[in-house]
């Protein structure tokens, strides 16, 4: 767990295909795939630059970022496929 940022993944909300795409959008390598599941690399969490690319690409509620220094929670948003 990071000191300033806590990133959580709800694997049940991600397909294997979605889980495979998330690591490639993260510029600071917070995520990795463990088979078909997406995992957070705890040692990388505090490297998060809050670009929100992972939140833009993950289905609603699949990824959350808790800013522990501000007690603020950011939650992934619906993808285009979910809105249709």
N, C-alpha and C. Protein backbone atom coordinates (compact mmCIF):
# COMPACT_ATOMS: atom_id res chain seq x y z
N UNK A 1 0.85 -1.19 0.00
CA UNK A 1 0.00 0.00 0.00
C UNK A 1 0.89 1.24 0.00
N UNK A 2 0.46 2.20 -0.77
CA UNK A 2 1.20 3.45 -0.84
C UNK A 2 0.93 4.33 0.37
N UNK A 3 1.74 5.33 0.55
CA UNK A 3 1.58 6.27 1.65
C UNK A 3 0.54 7.33 1.29
N UNK A 4 0.56 7.80 0.06
CA UNK A 4 -0.33 8.89 -0.35
C UNK A 4 -1.51 8.42 -1.19
N UNK A 5 -1.34 7.29 -1.86
CA UNK A 5 -2.34 6.77 -2.79
C UNK A 5 -2.58 5.29 -2.49
N UNK A 6 -3.84 4.89 -2.52
CA UNK A 6 -4.18 3.48 -2.40
C UNK A 6 -5.04 3.13 -3.61
N UNK A 7 -4.51 2.26 -4.47
CA UNK A 7 -5.22 1.85 -5.67
C UNK A 7 -5.78 0.45 -5.44
N UNK A 8 -7.06 0.28 -5.74
CA UNK A 8 -7.71 -1.02 -5.57
C UNK A 8 -8.37 -1.45 -6.87
N UNK A 9 -8.34 -2.76 -7.11
CA UNK A 9 -8.96 -3.35 -8.29
C UNK A 9 -10.05 -4.30 -7.84
N UNK A 10 -11.23 -4.18 -8.43
CA UNK A 10 -12.32 -5.13 -8.23
C UNK A 10 -12.33 -6.02 -9.46
N UNK A 11 -11.62 -7.14 -9.37
CA UNK A 11 -11.41 -8.03 -10.51
C UNK A 11 -12.71 -8.59 -11.07
N UNK A 12 -13.74 -8.68 -10.25
CA UNK A 12 -15.02 -9.22 -10.70
C UNK A 12 -15.69 -8.33 -11.74
N UNK A 13 -15.31 -7.06 -11.79
CA UNK A 13 -15.92 -6.13 -12.73
C UNK A 13 -15.16 -6.01 -14.05
N UNK A 14 -14.07 -6.79 -14.17
CA UNK A 14 -13.24 -6.73 -15.38
C UNK A 14 -13.27 -8.05 -16.13
N UNK A 15 -13.39 -7.98 -17.44
CA UNK A 15 -13.19 -9.17 -18.25
C UNK A 15 -11.69 -9.39 -18.38
N UNK A 16 -11.31 -10.57 -18.85
CA UNK A 16 -9.89 -10.86 -19.05
C UNK A 16 -9.29 -9.89 -20.07
N UNK A 17 -10.06 -9.55 -21.09
CA UNK A 17 -9.58 -8.61 -22.11
C UNK A 17 -9.35 -7.22 -21.52
N UNK A 18 -10.27 -6.75 -20.70
CA UNK A 18 -10.12 -5.44 -20.06
C UNK A 18 -8.92 -5.43 -19.12
N UNK A 19 -8.77 -6.51 -18.36
CA UNK A 19 -7.65 -6.62 -17.43
C UNK A 19 -6.31 -6.59 -18.15
N UNK A 20 -6.27 -7.13 -19.35
CA UNK A 20 -5.04 -7.14 -20.13
C UNK A 20 -4.69 -5.77 -20.69
N UNK A 21 -5.68 -4.91 -20.88
CA UNK A 21 -5.43 -3.60 -21.48
C UNK A 21 -4.98 -2.54 -20.48
N UNK A 22 -5.40 -2.63 -19.26
CA UNK A 22 -5.13 -1.58 -18.27
C UNK A 22 -3.63 -1.32 -18.05
N UNK A 23 -2.78 -2.34 -17.88
CA UNK A 23 -1.36 -2.05 -17.64
C UNK A 23 -0.71 -1.21 -18.75
N UNK A 24 -1.16 -1.36 -19.96
CA UNK A 24 -0.54 -0.62 -21.06
C UNK A 24 -0.92 0.86 -21.08
N UNK A 25 -2.00 1.25 -20.41
CA UNK A 25 -2.37 2.66 -20.39
C UNK A 25 -1.75 3.42 -19.21
N UNK A 26 -1.23 2.69 -18.24
CA UNK A 26 -0.65 3.33 -17.05
C UNK A 26 0.80 3.74 -17.33
N UNK A 27 1.10 5.05 -17.28
CA UNK A 27 2.46 5.50 -17.59
C UNK A 27 3.49 5.19 -16.50
N UNK A 28 3.05 4.77 -15.32
CA UNK A 28 4.01 4.52 -14.24
C UNK A 28 3.96 3.08 -13.72
N UNK A 29 3.41 2.18 -14.51
CA UNK A 29 3.45 0.74 -14.23
C UNK A 29 2.89 0.34 -12.87
N UNK A 30 1.75 0.88 -12.52
CA UNK A 30 1.11 0.50 -11.25
C UNK A 30 0.45 -0.86 -11.34
N UNK A 31 0.03 -1.24 -12.54
CA UNK A 31 -0.73 -2.48 -12.72
C UNK A 31 0.10 -3.55 -13.41
N UNK A 32 -0.26 -4.82 -13.13
CA UNK A 32 0.30 -5.96 -13.85
C UNK A 32 -0.79 -7.02 -13.97
N UNK A 33 -0.62 -7.87 -14.93
CA UNK A 33 -1.55 -8.99 -15.11
C UNK A 33 -0.97 -10.23 -14.46
N UNK A 34 -1.81 -10.92 -13.73
CA UNK A 34 -1.45 -12.20 -13.14
C UNK A 34 -2.40 -13.21 -13.77
N UNK A 35 -2.01 -13.73 -14.91
CA UNK A 35 -2.93 -14.57 -15.67
C UNK A 35 -3.98 -13.68 -16.29
N UNK A 36 -5.23 -13.90 -15.96
CA UNK A 36 -6.33 -13.09 -16.52
C UNK A 36 -6.79 -12.01 -15.55
N UNK A 37 -6.10 -11.87 -14.41
CA UNK A 37 -6.51 -10.88 -13.42
C UNK A 37 -5.56 -9.71 -13.36
N UNK A 38 -6.14 -8.56 -13.10
CA UNK A 38 -5.37 -7.33 -12.95
C UNK A 38 -4.99 -7.17 -11.49
N UNK A 39 -3.73 -6.84 -11.25
CA UNK A 39 -3.24 -6.62 -9.89
C UNK A 39 -2.54 -5.27 -9.80
N UNK A 40 -2.51 -4.75 -8.59
CA UNK A 40 -1.77 -3.52 -8.30
C UNK A 40 -0.40 -3.93 -7.76
N UNK A 41 0.64 -3.24 -8.22
CA UNK A 41 1.98 -3.45 -7.68
C UNK A 41 2.15 -2.46 -6.52
N UNK A 42 2.03 -2.93 -5.30
CA UNK A 42 2.04 -2.02 -4.14
C UNK A 42 3.25 -1.10 -4.08
N UNK A 43 4.39 -1.58 -4.52
CA UNK A 43 5.61 -0.75 -4.46
C UNK A 43 5.56 0.41 -5.45
N UNK A 44 4.62 0.38 -6.38
CA UNK A 44 4.49 1.42 -7.39
C UNK A 44 3.36 2.42 -7.10
N UNK A 45 2.51 2.14 -6.14
CA UNK A 45 1.32 2.96 -5.91
C UNK A 45 1.61 4.45 -5.75
N UNK A 46 2.62 4.80 -5.00
CA UNK A 46 2.92 6.20 -4.76
C UNK A 46 3.53 6.89 -5.99
N UNK A 47 3.78 6.13 -7.05
CA UNK A 47 4.24 6.72 -8.30
C UNK A 47 3.07 7.27 -9.12
N UNK A 48 1.85 6.97 -8.71
CA UNK A 48 0.67 7.41 -9.45
C UNK A 48 0.69 8.92 -9.64
N UNK A 49 0.47 9.34 -10.89
CA UNK A 49 0.46 10.78 -11.21
C UNK A 49 -0.97 11.30 -11.37
N UNK A 50 -1.93 10.47 -11.01
CA UNK A 50 -3.35 10.84 -11.06
C UNK A 50 -3.79 11.30 -12.45
N UNK A 51 -3.27 10.63 -13.46
CA UNK A 51 -3.65 10.96 -14.84
C UNK A 51 -5.05 10.46 -15.17
N UNK A 52 -5.53 9.49 -14.41
CA UNK A 52 -6.87 8.91 -14.52
C UNK A 52 -7.09 8.10 -15.80
N UNK A 53 -6.03 7.74 -16.50
CA UNK A 53 -6.18 6.91 -17.69
C UNK A 53 -6.77 5.55 -17.35
N UNK A 54 -6.34 4.97 -16.25
CA UNK A 54 -6.91 3.68 -15.86
C UNK A 54 -8.40 3.81 -15.55
N UNK A 55 -8.79 4.93 -14.95
CA UNK A 55 -10.20 5.15 -14.62
C UNK A 55 -11.04 5.33 -15.87
N UNK A 56 -10.45 5.93 -16.90
CA UNK A 56 -11.15 6.13 -18.16
C UNK A 56 -11.34 4.83 -18.93
N UNK A 57 -10.44 3.87 -18.73
CA UNK A 57 -10.47 2.63 -19.51
C UNK A 57 -11.15 1.47 -18.79
N UNK A 58 -11.38 1.59 -17.51
CA UNK A 58 -11.98 0.48 -16.75
C UNK A 58 -13.48 0.69 -16.58
N UNK A 59 -14.23 -0.40 -16.52
CA UNK A 59 -15.67 -0.28 -16.28
C UNK A 59 -15.95 0.38 -14.92
N UNK A 60 -17.13 0.89 -14.78
CA UNK A 60 -17.53 1.58 -13.56
C UNK A 60 -17.27 0.72 -12.32
N UNK A 61 -16.53 1.27 -11.38
CA UNK A 61 -16.26 0.61 -10.11
C UNK A 61 -15.18 -0.45 -10.13
N UNK A 62 -14.53 -0.66 -11.27
CA UNK A 62 -13.50 -1.70 -11.34
C UNK A 62 -12.19 -1.26 -10.69
N UNK A 63 -11.89 0.03 -10.76
CA UNK A 63 -10.66 0.56 -10.15
C UNK A 63 -11.02 1.77 -9.31
N UNK A 64 -10.46 1.83 -8.12
CA UNK A 64 -10.63 3.01 -7.27
C UNK A 64 -9.26 3.50 -6.83
N UNK A 65 -9.14 4.80 -6.75
CA UNK A 65 -7.92 5.43 -6.25
C UNK A 65 -8.32 6.27 -5.05
N UNK A 66 -7.76 5.94 -3.91
CA UNK A 66 -8.04 6.69 -2.69
C UNK A 66 -6.86 7.60 -2.41
N UNK A 67 -7.11 8.88 -2.45
CA UNK A 67 -6.07 9.85 -2.08
C UNK A 67 -6.10 9.95 -0.56
N UNK A 68 -5.19 9.27 0.09
CA UNK A 68 -5.21 9.19 1.55
C UNK A 68 -4.88 10.53 2.21
N UNK A 69 -4.16 11.39 1.52
CA UNK A 69 -3.79 12.69 2.07
C UNK A 69 -4.95 13.68 2.03
N UNK A 70 -5.99 13.35 1.28
CA UNK A 70 -7.09 14.27 1.10
C UNK A 70 -8.44 13.61 1.40
N UNK A 71 -8.42 12.33 1.72
CA UNK A 71 -9.62 11.54 1.95
C UNK A 71 -10.61 11.70 0.80
N UNK A 72 -10.08 11.54 -0.41
CA UNK A 72 -10.88 11.64 -1.63
C UNK A 72 -10.79 10.33 -2.39
N UNK A 73 -11.89 9.91 -2.97
CA UNK A 73 -11.96 8.65 -3.71
C UNK A 73 -12.30 8.92 -5.17
N UNK A 74 -11.48 8.39 -6.07
CA UNK A 74 -11.74 8.47 -7.51
C UNK A 74 -12.14 7.07 -7.97
N UNK A 75 -13.19 6.97 -8.77
CA UNK A 75 -13.71 5.67 -9.19
C UNK A 75 -13.74 5.59 -10.70
N UNK A 76 -13.38 4.41 -11.22
CA UNK A 76 -13.40 4.24 -12.68
C UNK A 76 -14.79 4.50 -13.23
N UNK A 77 -14.76 4.95 -14.48
CA UNK A 77 -16.01 5.36 -15.13
C UNK A 77 -16.41 4.33 -16.19
N UNK A 78 -17.64 4.42 -16.60
CA UNK A 78 -18.15 3.51 -17.63
C UNK A 78 -17.37 3.69 -18.93
N UNK A 79 -17.10 2.58 -19.58
CA UNK A 79 -16.49 2.65 -20.90
C UNK A 79 -17.57 2.93 -21.93
N UNK A 80 -17.15 3.25 -23.11
CA UNK A 80 -18.08 3.52 -24.19
C UNK A 80 -19.01 2.32 -24.40
N UNK A 81 -18.46 1.11 -24.32
CA UNK A 81 -19.28 -0.10 -24.51
C UNK A 81 -20.38 -0.20 -23.46
N UNK A 82 -20.12 0.23 -22.24
CA UNK A 82 -21.13 0.15 -21.19
C UNK A 82 -22.25 1.16 -21.42
N UNK A 83 -21.93 2.27 -22.04
CA UNK A 83 -22.92 3.32 -22.25
C UNK A 83 -23.89 2.98 -23.38
N UNK A 84 -23.46 2.12 -24.27
CA UNK A 84 -24.32 1.79 -25.43
C UNK A 84 -25.41 0.82 -25.06
